[in-house]
Amino acid sequence: MKLAQLRSAGRTPPLPMSIALGADELHVEQWLRVLPGQRYVARGQWRGVQVLTKLMVGDRARRHFDRELAGAQQLAAQQLTTPALLDQGFSEAGGWLLFEYLEGAQSLHDAWLAVARQLPLSEGQRDVLGSALAEIAALHAKGLWQSDLHLDNLVLQEQRLYLIDGGGIRAETPGRPLSRERVLENLAVFFAQLPTALEPFIEELLVNYLLVNGAHALPLEALVDKTRLARDQRLASYLKKVGRDCTAFSVHRDQKGVVAVRRECEAELRVVLTDPDGFIAAGVALKRGGSATVARVDSPERPLVIKRYNIKGFMHWLKRFWRPSRAWHSWVEAHR
């Protein structure tokens, strides 16, 4: 396949696949992330070596390529721990970046999920968050920051932590510590992603950062205020995603209405979504109310509970037709 053809390959391009990149060929073995018609991240073989590949196609390919390349080069120039860039190129078809593949590596997000349900700031949580803050401090000490800062952009392999995702790397004055205001803003983005139950422990966690980068005194009150603001902004951004087709959600709109589903559940719910009323009729009634019907149903994959919001009559329809449905309101608020 030519790189340009990837633009129309959809969300799940068929595997295995070979793509011509300049004079060489990439053999794709696994898709790790796909933004259809824009960006594709994959594990594959190139010149007999396993690599992590970022492919950019479409109208914004040049911009995405330049950002990724600049960020990767800045991390390497400041001698920060990051996967080696093995090859890069750009043509009319699009761009590619080939990185060293970290075999057996685990993202800090996955490490966090393993301890997330423990009591606030357990030893396991302290280890994960402390190592993340130390690496963020090293980044800031070199005058760089990660605009898309989250635990998936930190990868652990054999007790060594790597910074990845050059596309989010920004620079103030490379080689000189980041300004205090920028540090506070970037740390707020990090802390805003953690459970609010950990907010009382921010000062304790901050010690891990200051041991690596003590260039500034960081006022706790200002950091907490910025963290709360960042949390509100993240929530607003997330709630916009639940209503549009994206990596996390599959959303389809037509004259009949809207169907929204978490993308990882799309395949298993497809049969149920073709005839939810039929499944309700064949299921076990849990509630038969005028405004709502609830039933336990057996889908091909697993048992489910379906709640249907009923229209009781013409006047009820007249009151509701101009507003978002109760089902849509519940969908959004559940994700809030």
Protein backbone atom coordinates (compact mmCIF):
# COMPACT_ATOMS: atom_id res chain seq x y z
CA MET A 1 0.00 0.00 0.00
CA LYS A 2 1.08 3.55 -0.66
CA LEU A 3 1.03 6.01 2.23
CA ALA A 4 -1.57 8.21 0.48
CA GLN A 5 -4.02 5.29 0.41
CA LEU A 6 -4.02 5.13 4.20
CA ARG A 7 -6.11 8.29 4.20
CA SER A 8 -9.16 6.33 3.05
CA ALA A 9 -8.45 3.12 5.01
CA GLY A 10 -10.88 3.98 7.82
CA ARG A 11 -10.59 3.34 11.55
CA THR A 12 -9.44 -0.30 11.28
CA PRO A 13 -7.10 -0.73 8.29
CA PRO A 14 -6.64 -4.45 7.48
CA LEU A 15 -3.61 -6.28 8.87
CA PRO A 16 -0.97 -7.38 8.07
CA MET A 17 -0.12 -4.43 5.84
CA SER A 18 2.99 -3.19 4.05
CA ILE A 19 3.44 0.53 3.39
CA ALA A 20 6.11 2.06 1.19
CA LEU A 21 8.06 4.76 3.08
CA GLY A 22 10.60 6.33 0.75
CA ALA A 23 12.96 3.62 -0.48
CA ASP A 24 12.01 1.26 2.36
CA GLU A 25 8.93 -0.65 3.39
CA LEU A 26 7.15 -0.80 6.73
CA HIS A 27 5.37 -4.02 7.67
CA VAL A 28 2.58 -3.04 10.07
CA GLU A 29 1.82 -5.67 12.72
CA GLN A 30 -0.47 -3.81 15.11
CA TRP A 31 -2.37 -0.52 15.16
CA LEU A 32 -1.91 1.25 18.49
CA ARG A 33 -3.91 4.40 17.78
CA VAL A 34 -5.92 5.52 14.76
CA LEU A 35 -7.38 8.90 13.90
CA PRO A 36 -8.99 8.06 10.55
CA GLY A 37 -7.64 10.02 7.62
CA GLN A 38 -5.15 11.88 9.83
CA ARG A 39 -2.75 10.01 12.10
CA TYR A 40 -1.87 6.35 12.59
CA VAL A 41 0.40 4.92 15.30
CA ALA A 42 1.58 1.36 14.78
CA ARG A 43 4.04 -1.34 15.80
CA GLY A 44 5.85 -2.89 12.86
CA GLN A 45 9.02 -4.14 11.19
CA TRP A 46 11.38 -1.85 9.25
CA ARG A 47 14.75 -3.00 7.93
CA GLY A 48 14.42 -6.08 10.12
CA VAL A 49 13.98 -3.99 13.29
CA GLN A 50 10.81 -3.60 15.34
CA VAL A 51 9.75 0.05 15.43
CA LEU A 52 7.00 2.30 16.68
CA THR A 53 5.71 4.26 13.71
CA LYS A 54 3.76 7.50 13.47
CA LEU A 55 2.16 8.09 10.09
CA MET A 56 0.56 11.42 9.11
CA VAL A 57 -1.75 11.85 6.14
CA GLY A 58 -4.44 14.29 5.09
CA ASP A 59 -4.65 18.05 4.88
CA ARG A 60 -2.92 18.67 8.24
CA ALA A 61 -0.18 16.08 7.80
CA ARG A 62 2.60 18.66 7.44
CA ARG A 63 1.66 20.46 10.64
CA HIS A 64 1.41 17.24 12.66
CA PHE A 65 4.69 15.97 11.19
CA ASP A 66 6.59 19.19 11.97
CA ARG A 67 5.34 19.22 15.57
CA GLU A 68 6.21 15.58 16.18
CA LEU A 69 9.66 15.93 14.64
CA ALA A 70 10.47 19.18 16.48
CA GLY A 71 9.37 17.72 19.82
CA ALA A 72 11.37 14.50 19.37
CA GLN A 73 14.45 16.50 18.41
CA GLN A 74 14.09 18.85 21.38
CA LEU A 75 13.84 15.93 23.83
CA ALA A 76 16.96 14.35 22.33
CA ALA A 77 18.88 17.65 22.19
CA GLN A 78 18.31 18.18 25.92
CA GLN A 79 19.49 14.61 26.60
CA LEU A 80 16.20 13.58 28.16
CA THR A 81 15.27 9.90 28.21
CA THR A 82 13.19 9.30 25.09
CA PRO A 83 13.02 6.57 22.40
CA ALA A 84 15.57 7.06 19.61
CA LEU A 85 14.27 8.52 16.34
CA LEU A 86 15.45 6.04 13.68
CA ASP A 87 14.04 7.55 10.49
CA GLN A 88 11.77 10.33 9.31
CA GLY A 89 10.50 11.65 6.02
CA PHE A 90 7.79 13.66 4.33
CA SER A 91 6.39 13.49 0.82
CA GLU A 92 3.27 14.56 -1.04
CA ALA A 93 1.56 11.44 0.32
CA GLY A 94 2.26 12.32 3.96
CA GLY A 95 4.90 11.96 6.66
CA TRP A 96 6.40 9.28 8.87
CA LEU A 97 8.50 9.03 12.01
CA LEU A 98 10.06 5.71 13.07
CA PHE A 99 11.10 5.31 16.71
CA GLU A 100 12.86 2.66 18.74
CA TYR A 101 10.21 0.21 19.98
CA LEU A 102 10.33 -0.30 23.74
CA GLU A 103 9.65 -4.01 24.09
CA GLY A 104 7.71 -4.92 27.22
CA ALA A 105 7.22 -1.28 28.22
CA GLN A 106 4.23 -0.18 30.31
CA SER A 107 2.66 3.25 30.29
CA LEU A 108 2.40 4.95 33.68
CA HIS A 109 -1.33 5.18 33.05
CA ASP A 110 -1.55 1.38 33.13
CA ALA A 111 0.65 1.34 36.23
CA TRP A 112 -1.70 3.88 37.82
CA LEU A 113 -4.80 1.80 37.01
CA ALA A 114 -3.27 -1.06 38.99
CA VAL A 115 -3.20 1.09 42.16
CA ALA A 116 -5.95 3.66 41.49
CA ARG A 117 -8.50 1.98 43.80
CA GLN A 118 -6.18 1.84 46.77
CA LEU A 119 -6.57 4.28 49.67
CA PRO A 120 -5.46 7.83 48.74
CA LEU A 121 -1.70 8.09 48.40
CA SER A 122 -0.94 4.48 49.19
CA GLU A 123 2.63 3.35 48.72
CA GLY A 124 1.82 2.12 45.22
CA GLN A 125 0.21 5.40 44.24
CA ARG A 126 3.12 7.36 45.69
CA ASP A 127 5.58 5.35 43.61
CA VAL A 128 3.72 5.91 40.33
CA LEU A 129 3.00 9.61 40.84
CA GLY A 130 6.38 10.33 42.39
CA SER A 131 8.25 8.88 39.40
CA ALA A 132 6.01 10.86 37.01
CA LEU A 133 6.65 14.13 38.85
CA ALA A 134 10.40 13.53 38.91
CA GLU A 135 10.41 13.07 35.12
CA ILE A 136 8.22 16.14 34.60
CA ALA A 137 10.67 18.10 36.77
CA ALA A 138 13.58 16.97 34.57
CA LEU A 139 11.63 18.15 31.52
CA HIS A 140 10.91 21.55 33.09
CA ALA A 141 14.51 21.95 34.21
CA LYS A 142 15.50 21.84 30.53
CA GLY A 143 13.03 24.56 29.54
CA LEU A 144 10.48 22.20 27.97
CA TRP A 145 6.94 21.19 28.86
CA GLN A 146 4.35 18.71 27.60
CA SER A 147 1.19 20.55 26.52
CA ASP A 148 -0.76 17.26 26.44
CA LEU A 149 0.54 16.08 29.78
CA HIS A 150 -0.87 12.77 31.01
CA LEU A 151 0.41 9.45 32.32
CA ASP A 152 0.20 7.75 28.91
CA ASN A 153 3.03 10.03 27.74
CA LEU A 154 5.39 8.44 30.26
CA VAL A 155 6.48 4.86 29.57
CA LEU A 156 8.35 2.55 31.94
CA GLN A 157 10.75 -0.11 30.68
CA GLU A 158 13.01 -2.05 33.05
CA GLN A 159 12.80 0.63 35.76
CA ARG A 160 13.67 3.37 33.26
CA LEU A 161 11.12 6.07 32.46
CA TYR A 162 10.82 7.43 28.93
CA LEU A 163 9.17 10.61 27.68
CA ILE A 164 7.16 10.06 24.49
CA ASP A 165 4.80 12.02 22.20
CA GLY A 166 6.92 14.80 20.75
CA GLY A 167 3.81 16.39 19.25
CA GLY A 168 2.94 17.88 22.63
CA ILE A 169 6.43 19.13 23.51
CA ARG A 170 6.79 22.91 23.72
CA ALA A 171 9.86 25.02 24.53
CA GLU A 172 10.33 28.27 26.41
CA THR A 173 14.12 28.70 26.52
CA PRO A 174 15.70 25.28 25.86
CA GLY A 175 18.43 24.47 28.36
CA ARG A 176 17.17 26.92 31.00
CA PRO A 177 14.56 26.13 33.69
CA LEU A 178 10.96 26.81 32.77
CA SER A 179 9.41 29.97 34.25
CA ARG A 180 7.46 29.56 37.48
CA GLU A 181 4.12 30.52 35.90
CA ARG A 182 4.54 27.93 33.15
CA VAL A 183 5.56 25.31 35.73
CA LEU A 184 2.44 25.98 37.79
CA GLU A 185 0.18 25.78 34.73
CA ASN A 186 1.71 22.52 33.52
CA LEU A 187 1.66 20.88 36.96
CA ALA A 188 -1.98 21.93 37.32
CA VAL A 189 -2.77 20.00 34.11
CA PHE A 190 -1.10 16.94 35.65
CA PHE A 191 -2.80 17.15 39.06
CA ALA A 192 -6.19 17.90 37.47
CA GLN A 193 -6.24 14.36 36.03
CA LEU A 194 -5.95 12.73 39.43
CA PRO A 195 -8.91 11.94 41.72
CA THR A 196 -10.01 14.90 43.84
CA ALA A 197 -9.38 12.72 46.90
CA LEU A 198 -5.65 13.24 46.25
CA GLU A 199 -5.87 17.04 46.36
CA PRO A 200 -4.90 17.21 50.09
CA PHE A 201 -1.69 15.33 49.19
CA ILE A 202 -0.46 17.69 46.46
CA GLU A 203 2.07 19.30 48.79
CA GLU A 204 3.49 15.90 49.76
CA LEU A 205 3.67 14.76 46.13
CA LEU A 206 5.34 18.02 45.10
CA VAL A 207 8.46 17.04 47.04
CA ASN A 208 9.26 14.52 44.27
CA TYR A 209 9.27 17.39 41.77
CA LEU A 210 11.32 19.82 43.88
CA LEU A 211 14.05 17.27 44.54
CA VAL A 212 14.78 17.26 40.79
CA ASN A 213 13.94 20.85 39.87
CA GLY A 214 14.15 23.37 42.70
CA ALA A 215 14.52 26.42 40.47
CA HIS A 216 11.36 28.03 41.86
CA ALA A 217 9.40 28.17 45.08
CA LEU A 218 5.96 26.87 44.10
CA PRO A 219 3.10 28.42 46.13
CA LEU A 220 0.72 25.63 47.09
CA GLU A 221 -2.42 27.76 47.13
CA ALA A 222 -1.80 29.05 43.61
CA LEU A 223 -1.14 25.50 42.35
CA VAL A 224 -4.35 24.17 43.91
CA ASP A 225 -6.37 27.03 42.38
CA LYS A 226 -4.90 26.37 38.94
CA THR A 227 -5.53 22.63 39.37
CA ARG A 228 -9.22 23.22 40.07
CA LEU A 229 -9.48 25.48 37.03
CA ALA A 230 -7.72 22.90 34.85
CA ARG A 231 -10.06 20.19 36.16
CA ASP A 232 -13.10 22.24 35.15
CA GLN A 233 -11.62 22.82 31.69
CA ARG A 234 -10.87 19.11 31.27
CA LEU A 235 -14.42 18.22 32.25
CA ALA A 236 -15.90 20.67 29.76
CA SER A 237 -13.67 19.29 27.00
CA TYR A 238 -14.53 15.69 27.88
CA LEU A 239 -18.28 16.34 27.87
CA LYS A 240 -17.98 17.73 24.35
CA LYS A 241 -16.42 14.42 23.28
CA VAL A 242 -19.37 12.33 24.47
CA GLY A 243 -21.45 13.98 21.75
CA ARG A 244 -19.13 13.55 18.77
CA ASP A 245 -17.49 10.72 16.89
CA CYS A 246 -13.94 10.34 18.20
CA THR A 247 -11.48 7.77 19.54
CA ALA A 248 -13.44 7.17 22.74
CA PHE A 249 -17.01 7.40 21.41
CA SER A 250 -18.90 6.30 18.32
CA VAL A 251 -21.69 8.80 17.60
CA HIS A 252 -24.03 8.64 14.59
CA ARG A 253 -26.74 11.16 13.75
CA ASP A 254 -29.46 10.87 11.13
CA GLN A 255 -33.13 11.75 10.67
CA LYS A 256 -34.15 9.05 13.15
CA GLY A 257 -32.06 10.48 15.95
CA VAL A 258 -28.71 9.89 17.64
CA VAL A 259 -26.87 6.72 18.62
CA ALA A 260 -23.91 7.18 20.99
CA VAL A 261 -21.83 4.31 22.35
CA ARG A 262 -18.41 3.84 23.90
CA ARG A 263 -16.26 2.69 21.00
CA GLU A 264 -14.85 -0.37 22.78
CA CYS A 265 -18.46 -1.59 23.29
CA GLU A 266 -19.69 -0.84 19.77
CA ALA A 267 -19.25 -4.34 18.35
CA GLU A 268 -20.90 -6.20 21.22
CA LEU A 269 -23.89 -3.80 21.36
CA ARG A 270 -24.52 -3.72 17.61
CA VAL A 271 -27.18 -6.46 17.68
CA VAL A 272 -29.01 -4.93 20.65
CA LEU A 273 -29.02 -1.47 19.09
CA THR A 274 -30.74 -2.75 15.96
CA ASP A 275 -33.87 -3.62 18.00
CA PRO A 276 -33.76 -2.44 21.64
CA ASP A 277 -37.58 -2.63 21.94
CA GLY A 278 -37.51 -6.25 20.86
CA PHE A 279 -34.88 -7.09 23.47
CA ILE A 280 -36.91 -5.28 26.15
CA ALA A 281 -40.06 -7.26 25.21
CA ALA A 282 -38.12 -10.55 25.43
CA GLY A 283 -36.32 -9.60 28.64
CA VAL A 284 -37.21 -9.62 32.33
CA ALA A 285 -39.10 -6.48 33.36
CA LEU A 286 -37.57 -4.62 36.30
CA LYS A 287 -39.85 -1.59 36.03
CA ARG A 288 -42.99 -0.89 34.02
CA GLY A 289 -43.59 2.79 34.61
CA GLY A 290 -45.41 5.31 32.51
CA SER A 291 -42.38 7.51 31.95
CA ALA A 292 -39.73 4.75 31.86
CA THR A 293 -39.40 1.01 31.27
CA VAL A 294 -36.44 -0.97 32.61
CA ALA A 295 -35.62 -4.55 31.66
CA ARG A 296 -32.84 -7.08 32.10
CA VAL A 297 -31.95 -8.57 28.72
CA ASP A 298 -29.61 -11.28 27.47
CA SER A 299 -27.45 -9.99 24.65
CA PRO A 300 -25.18 -12.28 22.61
CA GLU A 301 -22.20 -11.04 24.65
CA ARG A 302 -23.44 -10.57 28.24
CA PRO A 303 -26.50 -9.63 30.34
CA LEU A 304 -27.53 -5.97 30.09
CA VAL A 305 -30.05 -3.61 31.63
CA ILE A 306 -31.92 -1.36 29.19
CA LYS A 307 -33.77 1.72 30.33
CA ARG A 308 -36.23 3.21 27.84
CA TYR A 309 -37.70 6.65 28.42
CA ASN A 310 -41.32 6.54 27.27
CA ILE A 311 -43.53 9.19 25.72
CA LYS A 312 -46.90 9.00 27.51
CA GLY A 313 -48.95 10.87 24.95
CA PHE A 314 -49.19 13.78 22.56
CA MET A 315 -49.03 16.48 25.26
CA HIS A 316 -46.01 14.77 26.82
CA TRP A 317 -44.34 14.65 23.38
CA LEU A 318 -45.18 18.33 22.82
CA LYS A 319 -43.46 19.28 26.08
CA ARG A 320 -40.32 17.29 25.29
CA PHE A 321 -39.69 17.28 21.53
CA TRP A 322 -37.81 20.61 21.48
CA ARG A 323 -35.43 19.61 24.30
CA PRO A 324 -32.58 17.10 24.40
CA SER A 325 -34.05 13.72 25.33
CA ARG A 326 -33.92 12.35 28.86
CA ALA A 327 -31.73 9.54 27.51
CA TRP A 328 -29.25 12.05 26.11
CA HIS A 329 -29.22 14.01 29.36
CA SER A 330 -28.52 10.78 31.29
CA TRP A 331 -25.73 9.84 28.85
CA VAL A 332 -23.96 13.16 29.36
CA GLU A 333 -24.44 13.32 33.13
CA ALA A 334 -23.29 9.73 33.64
CA HIS A 335 -19.99 10.66 31.99
CA ARG A 336 -19.75 13.83 34.05
